Amino acid sequence: MVWIIKIFGSAMLKHLYQGLPLDRRLGAFRRGIRARARALRVENHEWRQQGVPAWLLWLMCLLLAADEALQPAVPELAARVALLQQAMRQAYRGPVKFAVRFGLGFLPAFRRPLIPFGAVYRLLNTLGFGRALEVTYSTDRKTYFYADVKRCRMFAFFDAHGVPALTRVMCGWDRNWYEEIRPEKYGIQFTRDRLISSGDPLCAFHFERAGRTGSRDKETA
């Protein structure tokens, strides 16, 4: 999976580069950030022992390296976070939306769509993030499925490097998949009104039967 992240990471750097007041060509920009990311991955190998998957460690190191590269031209952290969020979404939007639409396309065939949705979501979370996220799940199988992230090693990683705000780049990336969950089509609506990266004690990923509440999402920038 690391090679997939590297391919789209290269696309992310291209989107990030465009429009920036830099005196380097795109190739040099990419090579410099990737080299720094490789060094950071070696320096932070202990995170793998804490349950962070290889693909996730590479992506976090790439974001950290990109943030460092932007600092001379974009001194404000909030501005850098916004640029990284935009580049991440642009690079991954197409493939993620296609995959999510394909998966969600099966839900209308189920009388209670929350049951298969919750099972698949939990499986993908476990396989994709391993022990990087400590999640508590709850459901009544009919009206709601809640995934509450009590501990996030992405936040811990960026916090350890003095830039916890970079976690919001990962939080913002989630829009690529949850914006595809249209209540009127799939019978499910999504709410995310708490985020660890915003100072809350947990990240609340709440899925409910359509019509119970209005969809909400906490700002990530």
Protein backbone atom coordinates (compact mmCIF):
# COMPACT_ATOMS: atom_id res chain seq x y z
CA MET A 1 0.00 0.00 0.00
CA VAL A 2 2.97 2.30 0.52
CA TRP A 3 3.63 2.48 -3.22
CA ILE A 4 0.05 3.65 -3.82
CA ILE A 5 0.49 6.40 -1.26
CA LYS A 6 3.77 7.37 -2.92
CA ILE A 7 2.09 7.70 -6.32
CA PHE A 8 -0.68 9.91 -5.02
CA GLY A 9 1.77 11.68 -2.74
CA SER A 10 3.65 12.73 -5.87
CA ALA A 11 0.39 14.09 -7.30
CA MET A 12 -0.23 15.94 -4.04
CA LEU A 13 3.17 17.63 -4.27
CA LYS A 14 2.38 18.71 -7.82
CA HIS A 15 -0.88 20.35 -6.69
CA LEU A 16 0.94 21.92 -3.76
CA TYR A 17 3.68 23.34 -5.98
CA GLN A 18 1.33 25.08 -8.40
CA GLY A 19 0.98 28.78 -7.66
CA LEU A 20 3.63 28.89 -4.94
CA PRO A 21 6.32 31.60 -5.11
CA LEU A 22 9.22 29.13 -5.23
CA ASP A 23 12.54 29.44 -7.04
CA ARG A 24 12.82 25.68 -7.67
CA ARG A 25 11.39 23.58 -10.48
CA LEU A 26 8.72 21.00 -9.70
CA GLY A 27 11.17 18.08 -10.02
CA ALA A 28 13.59 19.58 -7.50
CA PHE A 29 10.68 20.48 -5.20
CA ARG A 30 9.43 16.89 -5.20
CA ARG A 31 12.86 15.31 -4.81
CA GLY A 32 13.74 17.53 -1.88
CA ILE A 33 10.55 16.76 0.00
CA ARG A 34 10.69 13.03 -0.70
CA ALA A 35 14.31 12.87 0.46
CA ARG A 36 13.40 14.66 3.67
CA ALA A 37 10.39 12.36 4.14
CA ARG A 38 12.63 9.29 3.81
CA ALA A 39 14.96 10.68 6.46
CA LEU A 40 12.03 11.44 8.75
CA ARG A 41 10.68 7.92 8.29
CA VAL A 42 13.99 6.47 9.47
CA GLU A 43 14.13 8.88 12.41
CA ASN A 44 10.57 7.96 13.42
CA HIS A 45 10.71 4.19 12.96
CA GLU A 46 9.57 3.69 16.57
CA TRP A 47 6.06 4.74 15.53
CA ARG A 48 5.78 1.47 13.61
CA GLN A 49 6.24 -0.36 16.90
CA GLN A 50 3.33 1.66 18.31
CA GLY A 51 1.00 0.27 15.66
CA VAL A 52 1.27 2.92 12.92
CA PRO A 53 1.06 1.22 9.48
CA ALA A 54 3.91 1.77 7.04
CA TRP A 55 1.73 3.67 4.56
CA LEU A 56 0.49 6.04 7.24
CA LEU A 57 3.96 6.75 8.61
CA TRP A 58 5.17 7.57 5.10
CA LEU A 59 2.25 9.92 4.47
CA MET A 60 2.72 11.72 7.79
CA CYS A 61 6.45 12.11 7.13
CA LEU A 62 5.67 13.43 3.65
CA LEU A 63 3.29 16.03 5.11
CA LEU A 64 5.83 17.02 7.73
CA ALA A 65 8.53 17.39 5.07
CA ALA A 66 6.19 19.38 2.81
CA ASP A 67 5.31 21.71 5.67
CA GLU A 68 9.01 22.32 6.32
CA ALA A 69 9.58 23.08 2.63
CA LEU A 70 6.73 25.61 2.58
CA GLN A 71 7.86 27.59 5.62
CA PRO A 72 10.20 30.03 3.82
CA ALA A 73 7.51 31.04 1.32
CA VAL A 74 4.47 30.62 3.62
CA PRO A 75 5.45 31.52 7.20
CA GLU A 76 1.92 31.28 8.65
CA LEU A 77 1.09 27.75 9.83
CA ALA A 78 -2.65 28.15 9.20
CA ALA A 79 -1.95 29.10 5.59
CA ARG A 80 0.33 26.08 5.12
CA VAL A 81 -2.30 23.76 6.59
CA ALA A 82 -4.89 25.17 4.18
CA LEU A 83 -2.56 24.63 1.20
CA LEU A 84 -1.77 21.08 2.26
CA GLN A 85 -5.45 20.29 2.81
CA GLN A 86 -6.32 21.52 -0.66
CA ALA A 87 -3.47 19.59 -2.30
CA MET A 88 -4.38 16.37 -0.46
CA ARG A 89 -8.01 16.60 -1.51
CA GLN A 90 -7.16 17.35 -5.14
CA ALA A 91 -4.72 14.45 -5.40
CA TYR A 92 -6.97 11.79 -3.87
CA ARG A 93 -10.46 13.06 -4.70
CA GLY A 94 -11.11 11.13 -7.92
CA PRO A 95 -10.05 7.61 -6.88
CA VAL A 96 -11.60 7.89 -3.42
CA LYS A 97 -14.94 9.16 -4.72
CA PHE A 98 -15.06 6.37 -7.30
CA ALA A 99 -14.35 3.69 -4.68
CA VAL A 100 -16.89 5.10 -2.23
CA ARG A 101 -19.61 5.45 -4.85
CA PHE A 102 -18.99 1.88 -5.98
CA GLY A 103 -19.25 0.55 -2.43
CA LEU A 104 -22.27 2.63 -1.48
CA GLY A 105 -24.03 1.54 -4.65
CA PHE A 106 -24.91 -1.76 -2.97
CA LEU A 107 -26.65 -0.17 0.04
CA PRO A 108 -30.07 0.47 -1.56
CA ALA A 109 -30.45 -3.31 -1.88
CA PHE A 110 -30.55 -3.66 1.92
CA ARG A 111 -33.60 -2.96 4.03
CA ARG A 112 -31.36 -1.83 6.89
CA PRO A 113 -28.31 -0.24 5.19
CA LEU A 114 -26.58 0.63 8.48
CA ILE A 115 -25.85 -3.05 9.20
CA PRO A 116 -23.62 -3.81 6.18
CA PHE A 117 -22.25 -0.26 6.14
CA GLY A 118 -21.15 -0.45 9.77
CA ALA A 119 -19.52 -3.85 9.30
CA VAL A 120 -17.53 -2.73 6.25
CA TYR A 121 -16.54 0.58 7.85
CA ARG A 122 -15.23 -1.18 10.93
CA LEU A 123 -13.29 -3.73 8.84
CA LEU A 124 -11.67 -1.07 6.64
CA ASN A 125 -10.76 0.99 9.69
CA THR A 126 -9.06 -2.00 11.31
CA LEU A 127 -7.24 -3.16 8.18
CA GLY A 128 -6.21 0.33 7.08
CA PHE A 129 -5.18 2.01 10.32
CA GLY A 130 -4.26 -0.92 12.54
CA ARG A 131 -3.51 0.34 16.06
CA ALA A 132 -3.00 3.94 14.92
CA LEU A 133 -6.57 4.66 16.00
CA GLU A 134 -8.23 3.55 19.22
CA VAL A 135 -11.90 3.37 18.32
CA THR A 136 -15.02 2.55 20.32
CA TYR A 137 -17.95 1.30 18.25
CA SER A 138 -21.61 1.31 19.22
CA THR A 139 -24.79 0.56 17.29
CA ASP A 140 -28.35 -0.65 17.63
CA ARG A 141 -28.12 -1.99 14.04
CA LYS A 142 -31.25 -0.08 13.02
CA THR A 143 -30.91 3.64 13.65
CA TYR A 144 -27.25 4.46 14.32
CA PHE A 145 -23.63 3.33 14.01
CA TYR A 146 -21.07 5.35 15.99
CA ALA A 147 -17.28 5.17 15.69
CA ASP A 148 -15.66 7.33 18.38
CA VAL A 149 -11.89 7.73 18.07
CA LYS A 150 -10.57 7.99 21.63
CA ARG A 151 -6.88 8.05 20.68
CA CYS A 152 -5.27 9.15 17.42
CA ARG A 153 -1.58 8.49 16.79
CA MET A 154 -1.68 10.85 13.82
CA PHE A 155 -2.34 13.69 16.25
CA ALA A 156 0.28 12.30 18.65
CA PHE A 157 2.86 12.16 15.83
CA PHE A 158 2.37 15.73 14.68
CA ASP A 159 2.10 16.96 18.27
CA ALA A 160 5.45 15.31 19.04
CA HIS A 161 6.94 17.30 16.17
CA GLY A 162 5.46 20.58 17.39
CA VAL A 163 2.84 20.96 14.65
CA PRO A 164 -0.39 19.31 15.90
CA ALA A 165 -2.34 21.48 13.45
CA LEU A 166 -1.07 19.28 10.60
CA THR A 167 -3.49 16.61 11.83
CA ARG A 168 -6.22 18.77 10.29
CA VAL A 169 -4.83 17.89 6.87
CA MET A 170 -5.74 14.27 7.52
CA CYS A 171 -9.11 15.29 8.97
CA GLY A 172 -9.82 17.40 5.90
CA TRP A 173 -8.97 14.49 3.60
CA ASP A 174 -11.95 12.59 5.02
CA ARG A 175 -14.26 14.89 3.08
CA ASN A 176 -13.37 12.90 -0.03
CA TRP A 177 -15.38 9.95 1.24
CA TYR A 178 -18.05 11.29 3.57
CA GLU A 179 -19.32 13.93 1.16
CA GLU A 180 -20.41 11.02 -1.04
CA ILE A 181 -22.80 9.70 1.64
CA ARG A 182 -26.00 11.28 0.39
CA PRO A 183 -28.92 10.61 2.77
CA GLU A 184 -31.61 10.79 0.10
CA LYS A 185 -29.89 8.09 -1.96
CA TYR A 186 -28.39 5.73 0.60
CA GLY A 187 -30.60 6.20 3.67
CA ILE A 188 -27.59 7.16 5.84
CA GLN A 189 -26.40 10.54 7.04
CA PHE A 190 -23.07 11.46 8.55
CA THR A 191 -22.17 13.71 11.49
CA ARG A 192 -18.70 14.68 12.69
CA ASP A 193 -19.02 17.46 15.25
CA ARG A 194 -16.01 16.65 17.46
CA LEU A 195 -12.34 16.32 16.51
CA ILE A 196 -9.23 15.67 18.58
CA SER A 197 -7.35 18.03 16.26
CA SER A 198 -9.77 20.80 17.30
CA GLY A 199 -9.27 20.23 21.02
CA ASP A 200 -12.12 17.80 21.65
CA PRO A 201 -11.54 14.61 23.68
CA LEU A 202 -12.51 12.40 20.74
CA CYS A 203 -13.36 12.32 17.05
CA ALA A 204 -17.02 11.47 16.56
CA PHE A 205 -17.79 9.63 13.32
CA HIS A 206 -21.55 9.15 13.60
CA PHE A 207 -23.73 7.50 10.99
CA GLU A 208 -27.49 7.48 11.44
CA ARG A 209 -30.62 6.48 9.61
CA ALA A 210 -31.52 9.35 7.30
CA GLY A 211 -34.01 11.81 8.78
CA ARG A 212 -32.97 11.59 12.43
CA THR A 213 -30.77 14.72 12.47
CA GLY A 214 -29.17 17.17 10.12
CA SER A 215 -25.71 16.35 8.80
CA ARG A 216 -22.90 18.26 10.53
CA ASP A 217 -19.15 18.47 10.18
CA LYS A 218 -16.71 20.32 12.38
CA GLU A 219 -14.35 22.70 10.62
CA THR A 220 -10.84 21.31 10.17
CA ALA A 221 -8.99 24.46 9.18
